[in-house]
Amino acid sequence: MHKTFTRIATLISTAAGQPLSFVVALLIIIVWGVTGPLFHFSDTWQLVVNTGTTIITFLMVFLIQNSQNRDGAAMQAKLDELLRAVDKAREQFIGIEHLTDQQIEQIRTALERNSKKLANGKQKTAGDSVDRLLNRIEE
């Protein structure tokens, strides 16, 4: 069942993210709006679009969450492999996504504090990091 759901969720998510899907949705709304006078803007006419959009939104929330969960897990596995493979990387960071938000924030704060230590008499900043990166790209 998991494989089938994943396959269907992937297909629908991919299709929903295409420009054609947006155009089709837009056309449906335009047709609905144009038919308003024909149905005298009745309660049923309004209910049709409200019900349709509510159902689609409800189902898309689950599909989007499923896609994000899979993407996040895949990204985490890739990062864990990089941590494992790089000699100077700290393998203690593997699996920190399972910590609480507060614990992760403490780690992030400590890492930021560590990166701001003085190096060669001047304080490292994000700007310095960006400058070094740009210099490497230009070389």
N, C-alpha and C. Protein backbone atom coordinates (compact mmCIF):
# COMPACT_ATOMS: atom_id res chain seq x y z
N MET A 1 0.81 -1.19 0.00
CA MET A 1 0.00 0.00 0.00
C MET A 1 0.86 1.27 0.00
N HIS A 2 1.98 1.23 0.74
CA HIS A 2 2.85 2.40 0.81
C HIS A 2 3.44 2.74 -0.56
N LYS A 3 3.88 1.72 -1.29
CA LYS A 3 4.46 1.96 -2.60
C LYS A 3 3.42 2.53 -3.56
N THR A 4 2.21 1.99 -3.50
CA THR A 4 1.15 2.47 -4.37
C THR A 4 0.81 3.92 -4.05
N PHE A 5 0.67 4.23 -2.76
CA PHE A 5 0.37 5.61 -2.37
C PHE A 5 1.50 6.54 -2.80
N THR A 6 2.73 6.13 -2.57
CA THR A 6 3.87 6.96 -2.96
C THR A 6 3.87 7.22 -4.45
N ARG A 7 3.62 6.18 -5.22
CA ARG A 7 3.61 6.33 -6.68
C ARG A 7 2.50 7.29 -7.11
N ILE A 8 1.30 7.10 -6.56
CA ILE A 8 0.17 7.97 -6.91
C ILE A 8 0.43 9.40 -6.44
N ALA A 9 0.91 9.55 -5.21
CA ALA A 9 1.19 10.88 -4.67
C ALA A 9 2.23 11.60 -5.51
N THR A 10 3.25 10.88 -5.95
CA THR A 10 4.29 11.49 -6.78
C THR A 10 3.71 11.93 -8.12
N LEU A 11 2.92 11.08 -8.74
CA LEU A 11 2.31 11.43 -10.03
C LEU A 11 1.41 12.66 -9.90
N ILE A 12 0.56 12.67 -8.88
CA ILE A 12 -0.36 13.80 -8.71
C ILE A 12 0.40 15.08 -8.36
N SER A 13 1.39 14.97 -7.48
CA SER A 13 2.19 16.15 -7.10
C SER A 13 2.92 16.72 -8.31
N THR A 14 3.47 15.83 -9.11
CA THR A 14 4.18 16.27 -10.31
C THR A 14 3.22 16.95 -11.28
N ALA A 15 2.07 16.33 -11.49
CA ALA A 15 1.07 16.91 -12.40
C ALA A 15 0.55 18.24 -11.88
N ALA A 16 0.29 18.32 -10.57
CA ALA A 16 -0.26 19.55 -9.98
C ALA A 16 0.73 20.70 -10.07
N GLY A 17 2.01 20.41 -10.14
CA GLY A 17 3.03 21.46 -10.21
C GLY A 17 3.32 21.95 -11.61
N GLN A 18 2.62 21.46 -12.59
CA GLN A 18 2.86 21.85 -13.98
C GLN A 18 2.04 23.09 -14.35
N PRO A 19 2.56 23.90 -15.26
CA PRO A 19 1.81 25.09 -15.70
C PRO A 19 0.43 24.74 -16.27
N LEU A 20 0.32 23.63 -16.96
CA LEU A 20 -0.96 23.23 -17.55
C LEU A 20 -2.02 23.04 -16.47
N SER A 21 -1.63 22.50 -15.32
CA SER A 21 -2.59 22.32 -14.22
C SER A 21 -3.13 23.66 -13.74
N PHE A 22 -2.25 24.63 -13.66
CA PHE A 22 -2.68 25.97 -13.26
C PHE A 22 -3.65 26.55 -14.28
N VAL A 23 -3.32 26.39 -15.55
CA VAL A 23 -4.19 26.92 -16.62
C VAL A 23 -5.56 26.25 -16.57
N VAL A 24 -5.58 24.92 -16.38
CA VAL A 24 -6.85 24.19 -16.30
C VAL A 24 -7.67 24.69 -15.10
N ALA A 25 -7.03 24.85 -13.95
CA ALA A 25 -7.73 25.35 -12.76
C ALA A 25 -8.27 26.76 -13.01
N LEU A 26 -7.47 27.59 -13.64
CA LEU A 26 -7.89 28.95 -13.96
C LEU A 26 -9.09 28.94 -14.90
N LEU A 27 -9.04 28.08 -15.91
CA LEU A 27 -10.16 27.98 -16.85
C LEU A 27 -11.44 27.50 -16.16
N ILE A 28 -11.30 26.55 -15.25
CA ILE A 28 -12.47 26.08 -14.50
C ILE A 28 -13.10 27.24 -13.72
N ILE A 29 -12.28 28.05 -13.08
CA ILE A 29 -12.79 29.19 -12.31
C ILE A 29 -13.42 30.22 -13.24
N ILE A 30 -12.82 30.44 -14.39
CA ILE A 30 -13.40 31.39 -15.36
C ILE A 30 -14.76 30.90 -15.85
N VAL A 31 -14.83 29.61 -16.19
CA VAL A 31 -16.11 29.03 -16.64
C VAL A 31 -17.14 29.15 -15.53
N TRP A 32 -16.74 28.83 -14.32
CA TRP A 32 -17.65 28.94 -13.18
C TRP A 32 -18.14 30.39 -13.03
N GLY A 33 -17.23 31.34 -13.11
CA GLY A 33 -17.60 32.75 -12.98
C GLY A 33 -18.52 33.22 -14.09
N VAL A 34 -18.24 32.80 -15.31
CA VAL A 34 -19.06 33.20 -16.45
C VAL A 34 -20.46 32.61 -16.37
N THR A 35 -20.60 31.42 -15.79
CA THR A 35 -21.92 30.80 -15.68
C THR A 35 -22.75 31.36 -14.53
N GLY A 36 -22.18 32.25 -13.76
CA GLY A 36 -22.90 32.86 -12.64
C GLY A 36 -24.23 33.47 -13.04
N PRO A 37 -24.23 34.35 -14.04
CA PRO A 37 -25.51 34.95 -14.45
C PRO A 37 -26.51 33.91 -14.95
N LEU A 38 -26.01 32.86 -15.60
CA LEU A 38 -26.90 31.81 -16.11
C LEU A 38 -27.65 31.12 -14.97
N PHE A 39 -26.97 30.94 -13.85
CA PHE A 39 -27.58 30.30 -12.69
C PHE A 39 -28.05 31.32 -11.65
N HIS A 40 -28.07 32.60 -12.04
CA HIS A 40 -28.53 33.70 -11.17
C HIS A 40 -27.75 33.75 -9.86
N PHE A 41 -26.48 33.42 -9.96
CA PHE A 41 -25.59 33.45 -8.79
C PHE A 41 -26.23 32.76 -7.58
N SER A 42 -26.84 31.62 -7.82
CA SER A 42 -27.59 30.91 -6.78
C SER A 42 -26.65 30.30 -5.73
N ASP A 43 -27.28 29.87 -4.66
CA ASP A 43 -26.51 29.21 -3.60
C ASP A 43 -25.87 27.93 -4.12
N THR A 44 -26.58 27.20 -4.96
CA THR A 44 -26.04 25.95 -5.53
C THR A 44 -24.83 26.25 -6.40
N TRP A 45 -24.92 27.31 -7.18
CA TRP A 45 -23.81 27.73 -8.05
C TRP A 45 -22.57 28.02 -7.20
N GLN A 46 -22.75 28.71 -6.09
CA GLN A 46 -21.64 29.03 -5.20
C GLN A 46 -21.13 27.77 -4.49
N LEU A 47 -22.06 26.90 -4.12
CA LEU A 47 -21.71 25.68 -3.40
C LEU A 47 -20.84 24.76 -4.25
N VAL A 48 -21.07 24.75 -5.55
CA VAL A 48 -20.29 23.89 -6.45
C VAL A 48 -18.81 24.23 -6.36
N VAL A 49 -18.45 25.48 -6.50
CA VAL A 49 -17.03 25.84 -6.46
C VAL A 49 -16.47 25.72 -5.05
N ASN A 50 -17.26 26.08 -4.05
CA ASN A 50 -16.77 25.96 -2.68
C ASN A 50 -16.49 24.51 -2.31
N THR A 51 -17.39 23.62 -2.67
CA THR A 51 -17.20 22.20 -2.35
C THR A 51 -16.01 21.63 -3.12
N GLY A 52 -15.95 21.94 -4.40
CA GLY A 52 -14.85 21.43 -5.23
C GLY A 52 -13.49 21.88 -4.74
N THR A 53 -13.36 23.16 -4.45
CA THR A 53 -12.06 23.67 -3.98
C THR A 53 -11.71 23.14 -2.60
N THR A 54 -12.71 22.97 -1.75
CA THR A 54 -12.45 22.43 -0.41
C THR A 54 -11.95 20.99 -0.48
N ILE A 55 -12.59 20.18 -1.30
CA ILE A 55 -12.17 18.78 -1.44
C ILE A 55 -10.76 18.69 -2.01
N ILE A 56 -10.50 19.45 -3.05
CA ILE A 56 -9.17 19.41 -3.68
C ILE A 56 -8.11 19.90 -2.70
N THR A 57 -8.38 20.97 -1.98
CA THR A 57 -7.43 21.49 -0.99
C THR A 57 -7.16 20.47 0.10
N PHE A 58 -8.22 19.87 0.60
CA PHE A 58 -8.09 18.86 1.66
C PHE A 58 -7.18 17.72 1.22
N LEU A 59 -7.39 17.20 0.03
CA LEU A 59 -6.58 16.08 -0.46
C LEU A 59 -5.15 16.52 -0.78
N MET A 60 -4.98 17.71 -1.33
CA MET A 60 -3.64 18.19 -1.70
C MET A 60 -2.77 18.41 -0.47
N VAL A 61 -3.36 18.76 0.66
CA VAL A 61 -2.57 18.94 1.88
C VAL A 61 -1.82 17.65 2.21
N PHE A 62 -2.49 16.51 2.09
CA PHE A 62 -1.86 15.24 2.40
C PHE A 62 -0.80 14.88 1.37
N LEU A 63 -1.08 15.16 0.11
CA LEU A 63 -0.09 14.86 -0.94
C LEU A 63 1.15 15.73 -0.79
N ILE A 64 0.94 17.00 -0.51
CA ILE A 64 2.08 17.91 -0.33
C ILE A 64 2.90 17.49 0.89
N GLN A 65 2.23 17.15 1.99
CA GLN A 65 2.95 16.73 3.19
C GLN A 65 3.75 15.46 2.92
N ASN A 66 3.14 14.52 2.19
CA ASN A 66 3.84 13.28 1.85
C ASN A 66 5.09 13.58 1.02
N SER A 67 4.97 14.45 0.04
CA SER A 67 6.12 14.81 -0.79
C SER A 67 7.21 15.48 0.03
N GLN A 68 6.81 16.39 0.92
CA GLN A 68 7.79 17.07 1.77
C GLN A 68 8.47 16.10 2.72
N ASN A 69 7.71 15.17 3.27
CA ASN A 69 8.31 14.17 4.17
C ASN A 69 9.36 13.34 3.44
N ARG A 70 9.01 12.87 2.23
CA ARG A 70 9.96 12.06 1.46
C ARG A 70 11.18 12.88 1.06
N ASP A 71 10.96 14.11 0.60
CA ASP A 71 12.09 14.97 0.22
C ASP A 71 12.99 15.25 1.41
N GLY A 72 12.39 15.55 2.55
CA GLY A 72 13.18 15.83 3.75
C GLY A 72 13.98 14.62 4.20
N ALA A 73 13.36 13.44 4.17
CA ALA A 73 14.07 12.22 4.58
C ALA A 73 15.20 11.90 3.62
N ALA A 74 14.96 12.08 2.33
CA ALA A 74 16.02 11.82 1.34
C ALA A 74 17.18 12.81 1.52
N MET A 75 16.85 14.07 1.73
CA MET A 75 17.88 15.09 1.94
C MET A 75 18.68 14.78 3.20
N GLN A 76 17.99 14.37 4.26
CA GLN A 76 18.68 14.03 5.50
C GLN A 76 19.62 12.85 5.31
N ALA A 77 19.18 11.84 4.56
CA ALA A 77 20.03 10.68 4.30
C ALA A 77 21.27 11.10 3.52
N LYS A 78 21.10 11.99 2.57
CA LYS A 78 22.25 12.47 1.78
C LYS A 78 23.22 13.25 2.66
N LEU A 79 22.68 14.11 3.52
CA LEU A 79 23.55 14.87 4.42
C LEU A 79 24.27 13.95 5.40
N ASP A 80 23.55 12.96 5.91
CA ASP A 80 24.19 12.00 6.82
C ASP A 80 25.32 11.26 6.12
N GLU A 81 25.13 10.90 4.87
CA GLU A 81 26.18 10.20 4.12
C GLU A 81 27.38 11.13 3.92
N LEU A 82 27.14 12.39 3.66
CA LEU A 82 28.26 13.34 3.52
C LEU A 82 29.01 13.47 4.85
N LEU A 83 28.27 13.56 5.94
CA LEU A 83 28.93 13.63 7.25
C LEU A 83 29.76 12.39 7.51
N ARG A 84 29.25 11.24 7.12
CA ARG A 84 29.96 9.99 7.33
C ARG A 84 31.20 9.91 6.44
N ALA A 85 31.10 10.42 5.22
CA ALA A 85 32.17 10.24 4.25
C ALA A 85 33.30 11.26 4.36
N VAL A 86 33.01 12.46 4.83
CA VAL A 86 34.02 13.51 4.90
C VAL A 86 34.84 13.33 6.17
N ASP A 87 36.16 13.29 6.02
CA ASP A 87 37.05 12.99 7.13
C ASP A 87 36.92 13.94 8.31
N LYS A 88 36.89 15.24 8.06
CA LYS A 88 36.89 16.19 9.16
C LYS A 88 35.47 16.52 9.66
N ALA A 89 34.46 15.96 9.04
CA ALA A 89 33.09 16.23 9.49
C ALA A 89 32.83 15.53 10.82
N ARG A 90 31.97 16.11 11.62
CA ARG A 90 31.64 15.53 12.92
C ARG A 90 30.45 14.59 12.76
N GLU A 91 30.70 13.31 12.88
CA GLU A 91 29.64 12.32 12.71
C GLU A 91 28.58 12.40 13.81
N GLN A 92 28.86 13.13 14.87
CA GLN A 92 27.88 13.29 15.94
C GLN A 92 26.62 14.01 15.44
N PHE A 93 26.74 14.70 14.30
CA PHE A 93 25.60 15.43 13.76
C PHE A 93 24.62 14.50 13.03
N ILE A 94 25.03 13.30 12.75
CA ILE A 94 24.12 12.36 12.09
C ILE A 94 22.97 12.07 13.04
N GLY A 95 21.75 12.28 12.55
CA GLY A 95 20.56 11.97 13.31
C GLY A 95 20.05 13.09 14.21
N ILE A 96 20.65 14.29 14.15
CA ILE A 96 20.19 15.35 15.05
C ILE A 96 18.78 15.83 14.70
N GLU A 97 18.27 15.44 13.54
CA GLU A 97 16.90 15.83 13.19
C GLU A 97 15.88 15.20 14.13
N HIS A 98 16.31 14.21 14.91
CA HIS A 98 15.41 13.56 15.86
C HIS A 98 15.40 14.26 17.22
N LEU A 99 16.23 15.28 17.40
CA LEU A 99 16.26 16.03 18.65
C LEU A 99 15.09 16.99 18.70
N THR A 100 14.87 17.57 19.88
CA THR A 100 13.80 18.56 20.02
C THR A 100 14.23 19.87 19.36
N ASP A 101 13.25 20.73 19.10
CA ASP A 101 13.55 22.04 18.52
C ASP A 101 14.52 22.83 19.40
N GLN A 102 14.34 22.73 20.70
CA GLN A 102 15.20 23.46 21.64
C GLN A 102 16.63 22.93 21.57
N GLN A 103 16.80 21.63 21.50
CA GLN A 103 18.15 21.05 21.42
C GLN A 103 18.83 21.46 20.11
N ILE A 104 18.10 21.43 19.04
CA ILE A 104 18.67 21.83 17.74
C ILE A 104 19.05 23.30 17.76
N GLU A 105 18.21 24.13 18.38
CA GLU A 105 18.53 25.56 18.48
C GLU A 105 19.79 25.77 19.32
N GLN A 106 19.98 25.00 20.37
CA GLN A 106 21.20 25.11 21.19
C GLN A 106 22.43 24.75 20.35
N ILE A 107 22.32 23.71 19.56
CA ILE A 107 23.44 23.30 18.70
C ILE A 107 23.74 24.39 17.68
N ARG A 108 22.68 24.93 17.06
CA ARG A 108 22.85 25.98 16.05
C ARG A 108 23.50 27.21 16.66
N THR A 109 23.06 27.60 17.84
CA THR A 109 23.64 28.76 18.52
C THR A 109 25.10 28.53 18.84
N ALA A 110 25.43 27.34 19.33
CA ALA A 110 26.83 27.02 19.64
C ALA A 110 27.68 27.04 18.37
N LEU A 111 27.17 26.52 17.28
CA LEU A 111 27.92 26.54 16.02
C LEU A 111 28.13 27.96 15.52
N GLU A 112 27.11 28.80 15.63
CA GLU A 112 27.26 30.20 15.22
C GLU A 112 28.27 30.92 16.09
N ARG A 113 28.21 30.66 17.39
CA ARG A 113 29.15 31.27 18.31
C ARG A 113 30.58 30.84 17.96
N ASN A 114 30.75 29.56 17.68
CA ASN A 114 32.06 29.03 17.31
C ASN A 114 32.58 29.65 16.01
N SER A 115 31.69 29.87 15.04
CA SER A 115 32.13 30.40 13.76
C SER A 115 32.49 31.87 13.84
N LYS A 116 32.06 32.56 14.90
CA LYS A 116 32.33 33.98 15.04
C LYS A 116 33.60 34.25 15.84
N LYS A 117 34.30 33.19 16.22
CA LYS A 117 35.56 33.39 16.95
C LYS A 117 36.55 34.13 16.07
N LEU A 118 37.45 34.79 16.71
CA LEU A 118 38.43 35.57 15.96
C LEU A 118 39.33 34.66 15.14
N ALA A 119 39.56 35.07 13.90
CA ALA A 119 40.47 34.35 13.02
C ALA A 119 41.38 35.39 12.37
N ASN A 120 42.67 35.24 12.55
CA ASN A 120 43.65 36.18 12.00
C ASN A 120 43.38 37.62 12.43
N GLY A 121 42.95 37.80 13.68
CA GLY A 121 42.76 39.14 14.21
C GLY A 121 41.46 39.80 13.82
N LYS A 122 40.63 39.16 13.02
CA LYS A 122 39.35 39.80 12.70
C LYS A 122 38.22 38.80 12.89
N GLN A 123 37.06 39.30 13.17
CA GLN A 123 35.92 38.44 13.43
C GLN A 123 35.34 37.93 12.10
N LYS A 124 35.08 36.62 12.06
CA LYS A 124 34.46 36.05 10.87
C LYS A 124 32.99 36.47 10.85
N THR A 125 32.51 36.74 9.67
CA THR A 125 31.09 37.09 9.52
C THR A 125 30.53 36.33 8.34
N ALA A 126 29.22 36.37 8.20
CA ALA A 126 28.59 35.75 7.04
C ALA A 126 29.07 36.44 5.77
N GLY A 127 29.28 37.76 5.86
CA GLY A 127 29.79 38.50 4.70
C GLY A 127 31.15 37.99 4.25
N ASP A 128 32.02 37.69 5.23
CA ASP A 128 33.34 37.14 4.91
C ASP A 128 33.19 35.81 4.19
N SER A 129 32.29 34.98 4.66
CA SER A 129 32.07 33.68 4.05
C SER A 129 31.59 33.83 2.62
N VAL A 130 30.67 34.77 2.40
CA VAL A 130 30.15 35.01 1.05
C VAL A 130 31.27 35.51 0.16
N ASP A 131 32.09 36.43 0.68
CA ASP A 131 33.21 36.96 -0.10
C ASP A 131 34.18 35.85 -0.49
N ARG A 132 34.51 34.96 0.46
CA ARG A 132 35.42 33.85 0.15
C ARG A 132 34.82 32.94 -0.91
N LEU A 133 33.53 32.67 -0.82
CA LEU A 133 32.86 31.83 -1.79
C LEU A 133 32.88 32.48 -3.17
N LEU A 134 32.59 33.75 -3.23
CA LEU A 134 32.60 34.45 -4.53
C LEU A 134 34.00 34.49 -5.13
N ASN A 135 35.01 34.66 -4.28
CA ASN A 135 36.39 34.65 -4.77
C ASN A 135 36.75 33.30 -5.37
N ARG A 136 36.30 32.21 -4.74
CA ARG A 136 36.58 30.87 -5.27
C ARG A 136 35.89 30.67 -6.61
N ILE A 137 34.68 31.20 -6.75
CA ILE A 137 33.95 31.04 -8.01
C ILE A 137 34.65 31.80 -9.13
N GLU A 138 35.17 32.99 -8.82
CA GLU A 138 35.81 33.82 -9.84
C GLU A 138 37.16 33.27 -10.28
N GLU A 139 37.79 32.46 -9.45
CA GLU A 139 39.13 31.95 -9.79
C GLU A 139 39.10 30.93 -10.87
